[in-house]
Amino acid sequence: MKLTAQKSIEKEIKSSRVTDPISHSHKELTKEQIREIVAKRAAKEFKEGDVVTLGIGLPTAVANYVPENMHVIFQSENGLLGVGKDQKDNIDKRIINAGGGYVEARHGACFYDSQMAFTMMRGGHIDATVLGALQVGSDGSLASWMIPGKMVPGMGGSMDLVVGAKKVIVAMEHTSKGQIKIVEKCTLPLTAYREVNMIITERCVFEVENDGLVLKEINPMFTIEDIKASTGADFRICENLKTMC
């Protein structure tokens, strides 16, 4: 029964798969450039005193771009409140983020067990979370943990985060290996239903409203037609459309 359901999902994914027409054009950015653009923009969403949890992968880079004069407290689901920047020198191998990367513990940081970490996340004590995604639907639904037929370690803490955080920001590449990730309706198994507030990619910024996606900012390297061609969902264009910076 489980195998039949899995094959049914795989068939639906293949039939609805849409490719990105500009992924191999001269506008393609390197992975490092994409990471920097997305992380820098996501860091601008925080306010003084916010408690923020970052997902694994690209979102972990966001901590590197918060201004030094802004007090933002980063929480890691593996039990660290006060996560600092990535560490390449003077590494303390005991201090890692949820993705296993070496980080600094900022002055005043504290350590605790997973039970306390998840209590913070589930209890509504996180002001914002930044996560990656496999797919995001136009209604703010999120699929971030499994591709049928592939080995996965599990959902991790993302389900708890997106339901418990006050603001949910998806920070990701606009497409992946030419496959469109922002879709009308998710075809992959959901992490959460209608919980995403904002989508930030290297190409643009969308806000998720009750009636769908609204294009708020656009990277000047791309045109509105580029965004339409590489997005699998309808969206409105904000009257005060801004340049992404």
Protein backbone atom coordinates (compact mmCIF):
# COMPACT_ATOMS: atom_id res chain seq x y z
CA MET A 1 0.00 0.00 0.00
CA LYS A 2 2.82 2.36 0.96
CA LEU A 3 4.74 1.54 -2.25
CA THR A 4 1.64 2.22 -4.37
CA ALA A 5 1.12 5.60 -2.68
CA GLN A 6 4.76 6.50 -3.24
CA LYS A 7 4.59 5.62 -6.93
CA SER A 8 1.42 7.68 -7.23
CA ILE A 9 3.20 10.71 -5.76
CA GLU A 10 6.22 10.19 -8.05
CA LYS A 11 3.95 10.00 -11.10
CA GLU A 12 2.19 13.23 -10.11
CA ILE A 13 5.50 15.01 -9.60
CA LYS A 14 6.82 13.94 -13.01
CA SER A 15 3.62 14.97 -14.79
CA SER A 16 3.58 18.41 -13.15
CA ARG A 17 7.31 19.12 -13.37
CA VAL A 18 8.15 22.41 -15.06
CA THR A 19 11.63 23.47 -16.12
CA ASP A 20 13.27 26.84 -15.75
CA PRO A 21 13.81 28.39 -19.22
CA ILE A 22 16.59 30.73 -18.07
CA SER A 23 18.58 28.48 -15.72
CA HIS A 24 21.35 27.93 -18.29
CA SER A 25 21.40 31.44 -19.71
CA HIS A 26 24.01 34.17 -19.16
CA LYS A 27 22.00 35.24 -16.11
CA GLU A 28 22.94 32.15 -14.12
CA LEU A 29 24.81 32.91 -10.90
CA THR A 30 27.31 30.76 -9.05
CA LYS A 31 26.22 28.91 -5.92
CA GLU A 32 28.36 31.26 -3.81
CA GLN A 33 26.78 34.35 -5.36
CA ILE A 34 23.27 32.98 -4.86
CA ARG A 35 24.02 32.14 -1.24
CA GLU A 36 25.32 35.65 -0.57
CA ILE A 37 22.43 37.45 -2.32
CA VAL A 38 19.74 35.43 -0.53
CA ALA A 39 21.39 35.48 2.90
CA LYS A 40 22.06 39.23 2.80
CA ARG A 41 18.46 39.98 1.88
CA ALA A 42 17.02 37.64 4.50
CA ALA A 43 19.14 39.30 7.22
CA LYS A 44 17.30 42.58 6.57
CA GLU A 45 14.02 41.08 7.83
CA PHE A 46 15.06 41.03 11.48
CA LYS A 47 14.32 43.63 14.13
CA GLU A 48 16.27 44.64 17.21
CA GLY A 49 15.95 41.95 19.87
CA ASP A 50 14.47 39.25 17.62
CA VAL A 51 15.03 35.60 18.49
CA VAL A 52 15.63 33.78 15.20
CA THR A 53 16.10 30.12 14.27
CA LEU A 54 17.94 29.28 11.05
CA GLY A 55 17.40 26.07 9.10
CA ILE A 56 20.26 24.00 7.70
CA GLY A 57 21.93 24.75 4.37
CA LEU A 58 21.76 28.22 2.85
CA PRO A 59 19.83 29.79 5.79
CA THR A 60 22.77 29.25 8.17
CA ALA A 61 24.68 31.93 6.20
CA VAL A 62 22.14 34.60 7.23
CA ALA A 63 23.84 35.06 10.62
CA ASN A 64 26.94 36.34 8.80
CA TYR A 65 25.10 39.39 7.41
CA VAL A 66 23.34 40.86 10.44
CA PRO A 67 24.83 44.30 11.21
CA GLU A 68 27.23 44.34 14.15
CA ASN A 69 25.20 47.07 15.87
CA MET A 70 21.95 45.07 15.75
CA HIS A 71 21.12 42.73 18.60
CA VAL A 72 19.59 39.59 17.10
CA ILE A 73 19.67 36.33 19.06
CA PHE A 74 20.07 33.21 16.92
CA GLN A 75 18.80 29.93 18.29
CA SER A 76 19.86 26.53 17.00
CA GLU A 77 17.56 23.55 17.38
CA ASN A 78 20.44 21.40 18.60
CA GLY A 79 20.54 23.48 21.80
CA LEU A 80 22.37 26.79 21.47
CA LEU A 81 20.92 30.24 22.12
CA GLY A 82 23.37 32.90 20.95
CA VAL A 83 24.75 31.42 17.73
CA GLY A 84 27.44 33.59 16.18
CA LYS A 85 29.14 33.63 12.81
CA ASP A 86 30.55 30.62 10.97
CA GLN A 87 34.01 29.68 12.19
CA LYS A 88 36.90 28.62 9.96
CA ASP A 89 39.74 29.58 12.28
CA ASN A 90 40.04 29.05 16.04
CA ILE A 91 37.40 26.30 15.82
CA ASP A 92 35.90 24.81 18.96
CA LYS A 93 34.64 21.45 17.72
CA ARG A 94 32.11 21.27 20.55
CA ILE A 95 30.13 24.24 19.17
CA ILE A 96 28.12 23.52 16.02
CA ASN A 97 24.86 24.66 14.47
CA ALA A 98 21.96 22.38 13.49
CA GLY A 99 23.66 21.60 10.17
CA GLY A 100 26.89 20.46 11.84
CA GLY A 101 28.86 23.57 10.86
CA TYR A 102 31.29 25.15 13.32
CA VAL A 103 30.06 28.43 14.77
CA GLU A 104 30.97 30.83 17.54
CA ALA A 105 28.95 31.17 20.73
CA ARG A 106 28.35 34.86 21.27
CA HIS A 107 28.88 36.58 24.61
CA GLY A 108 26.03 35.54 26.90
CA ALA A 109 25.15 32.40 24.91
CA CYS A 110 23.72 29.37 26.66
CA PHE A 111 23.48 25.67 25.91
CA TYR A 112 20.60 23.32 26.65
CA ASP A 113 19.10 20.00 25.57
CA SER A 114 16.84 19.29 22.59
CA GLN A 115 13.77 19.19 24.80
CA MET A 116 14.28 22.82 25.80
CA ALA A 117 15.11 23.80 22.19
CA PHE A 118 11.86 22.35 20.90
CA THR A 119 9.88 23.82 23.78
CA MET A 120 11.08 27.25 22.66
CA MET A 121 10.12 26.52 19.06
CA ARG A 122 6.73 24.99 19.77
CA GLY A 123 5.85 27.52 22.45
CA GLY A 124 5.82 30.56 20.17
CA HIS A 125 9.05 32.05 21.53
CA ILE A 126 10.75 32.37 18.12
CA ASP A 127 10.17 35.70 16.35
CA ALA A 128 11.28 34.47 12.93
CA THR A 129 12.66 31.40 11.24
CA VAL A 130 14.53 31.16 7.95
CA LEU A 131 14.28 27.81 6.16
CA GLY A 132 15.10 26.25 2.84
CA ALA A 133 12.51 24.43 0.72
CA LEU A 134 12.03 21.87 -2.00
CA GLN A 135 8.74 23.52 -3.01
CA VAL A 136 6.62 26.44 -1.85
CA GLY A 137 2.99 26.75 -2.89
CA SER A 138 1.22 29.99 -3.77
CA ASP A 139 -0.86 29.57 -0.60
CA GLY A 140 2.25 29.48 1.60
CA SER A 141 2.36 25.71 1.97
CA LEU A 142 5.84 24.29 2.43
CA ALA A 143 7.45 21.04 1.27
CA SER A 144 10.97 20.79 2.63
CA TRP A 145 11.79 17.34 3.87
CA MET A 146 11.27 14.51 1.39
CA ILE A 147 11.46 13.54 -2.25
CA PRO A 148 9.66 10.19 -2.69
CA GLY A 149 12.00 7.36 -3.58
CA LYS A 150 15.09 9.02 -2.06
CA MET A 151 16.67 8.29 1.29
CA VAL A 152 16.02 11.08 3.80
CA PRO A 153 17.10 11.44 7.45
CA GLY A 154 13.68 12.70 8.52
CA MET A 155 11.75 15.92 8.89
CA GLY A 156 13.98 17.31 11.64
CA GLY A 157 12.67 20.38 13.43
CA SER A 158 11.18 22.18 10.43
CA MET A 159 7.59 21.11 11.17
CA ASP A 160 7.83 22.51 14.69
CA LEU A 161 9.54 25.68 13.51
CA VAL A 162 7.09 26.73 10.82
CA VAL A 163 4.08 26.22 13.08
CA GLY A 164 5.64 27.82 16.16
CA ALA A 165 7.53 30.81 14.72
CA LYS A 166 5.81 34.18 14.43
CA LYS A 167 7.25 34.78 10.93
CA VAL A 168 8.33 32.11 8.44
CA ILE A 169 10.80 33.09 5.71
CA VAL A 170 11.84 30.67 2.99
CA ALA A 171 15.33 31.47 1.68
CA MET A 172 16.31 29.34 -1.31
CA GLU A 173 17.46 29.18 -4.90
CA HIS A 174 14.66 30.16 -7.26
CA THR A 175 15.03 26.88 -9.12
CA SER A 176 16.98 23.68 -8.50
CA LYS A 177 18.78 21.91 -11.35
CA GLY A 178 16.39 23.61 -13.75
CA GLN A 179 13.28 22.55 -11.82
CA ILE A 180 10.83 25.21 -10.66
CA LYS A 181 10.32 25.34 -6.89
CA ILE A 182 7.68 28.07 -6.46
CA VAL A 183 4.50 26.38 -7.60
CA GLU A 184 0.73 26.83 -7.56
CA LYS A 185 0.31 23.74 -5.39
CA CYS A 186 2.99 21.59 -3.79
CA THR A 187 3.29 18.08 -5.22
CA LEU A 188 5.83 16.89 -2.66
CA PRO A 189 4.81 15.78 0.86
CA LEU A 190 4.08 18.85 2.99
CA THR A 191 6.03 20.05 5.98
CA ALA A 192 3.29 22.55 6.83
CA TYR A 193 0.10 23.94 5.31
CA ARG A 194 -0.12 27.69 4.62
CA GLU A 195 2.53 28.81 7.10
CA VAL A 196 5.07 30.66 4.89
CA ASN A 197 5.00 34.48 5.04
CA MET A 198 7.84 35.40 2.67
CA ILE A 199 9.95 33.79 -0.07
CA ILE A 200 13.42 35.17 -0.81
CA THR A 201 15.43 33.92 -3.78
CA GLU A 202 18.35 35.28 -5.78
CA ARG A 203 15.86 36.62 -8.33
CA CYS A 204 13.13 38.26 -6.27
CA VAL A 205 11.16 38.57 -3.05
CA PHE A 206 7.55 37.38 -2.73
CA GLU A 207 5.19 37.97 0.16
CA VAL A 208 2.43 35.42 0.71
CA GLU A 209 -0.96 37.03 1.20
CA ASN A 210 -4.44 35.52 1.62
CA ASP A 211 -5.10 35.72 -2.13
CA GLY A 212 -1.70 34.47 -3.26
CA LEU A 213 1.81 35.70 -4.02
CA VAL A 214 2.81 39.34 -4.35
CA LEU A 215 6.08 40.29 -6.04
CA LYS A 216 7.65 42.91 -3.75
CA GLU A 217 11.25 43.15 -4.98
CA ILE A 218 13.20 42.08 -8.05
CA ASN A 219 16.90 41.59 -8.66
CA PRO A 220 17.90 44.04 -11.46
CA MET A 221 19.73 41.16 -13.21
CA PHE A 222 16.29 39.74 -14.05
CA THR A 223 13.11 41.03 -15.66
CA ILE A 224 9.50 40.51 -14.64
CA GLU A 225 9.18 38.20 -17.65
CA ASP A 226 12.12 36.16 -16.31
CA ILE A 227 10.33 35.83 -12.96
CA LYS A 228 7.08 34.77 -14.64
CA ALA A 229 8.91 32.20 -16.78
CA SER A 230 10.71 30.64 -13.79
CA THR A 231 7.79 30.68 -11.34
CA GLY A 232 5.11 28.00 -11.51
CA ALA A 233 2.43 30.07 -9.79
CA ASP A 234 0.47 33.21 -10.60
CA PHE A 235 1.41 36.34 -8.69
CA ARG A 236 0.50 40.01 -8.42
CA ILE A 237 3.08 42.76 -8.86
CA CYS A 238 3.25 45.28 -6.04
CA GLU A 239 2.50 48.84 -7.17
CA ASN A 240 5.61 49.94 -5.30
CA LEU A 241 7.91 47.26 -6.74
CA LYS A 242 11.42 47.75 -5.38
CA THR A 243 14.88 46.76 -6.51
CA MET A 244 16.25 43.89 -4.48
CA CYS A 245 19.43 44.88 -2.69
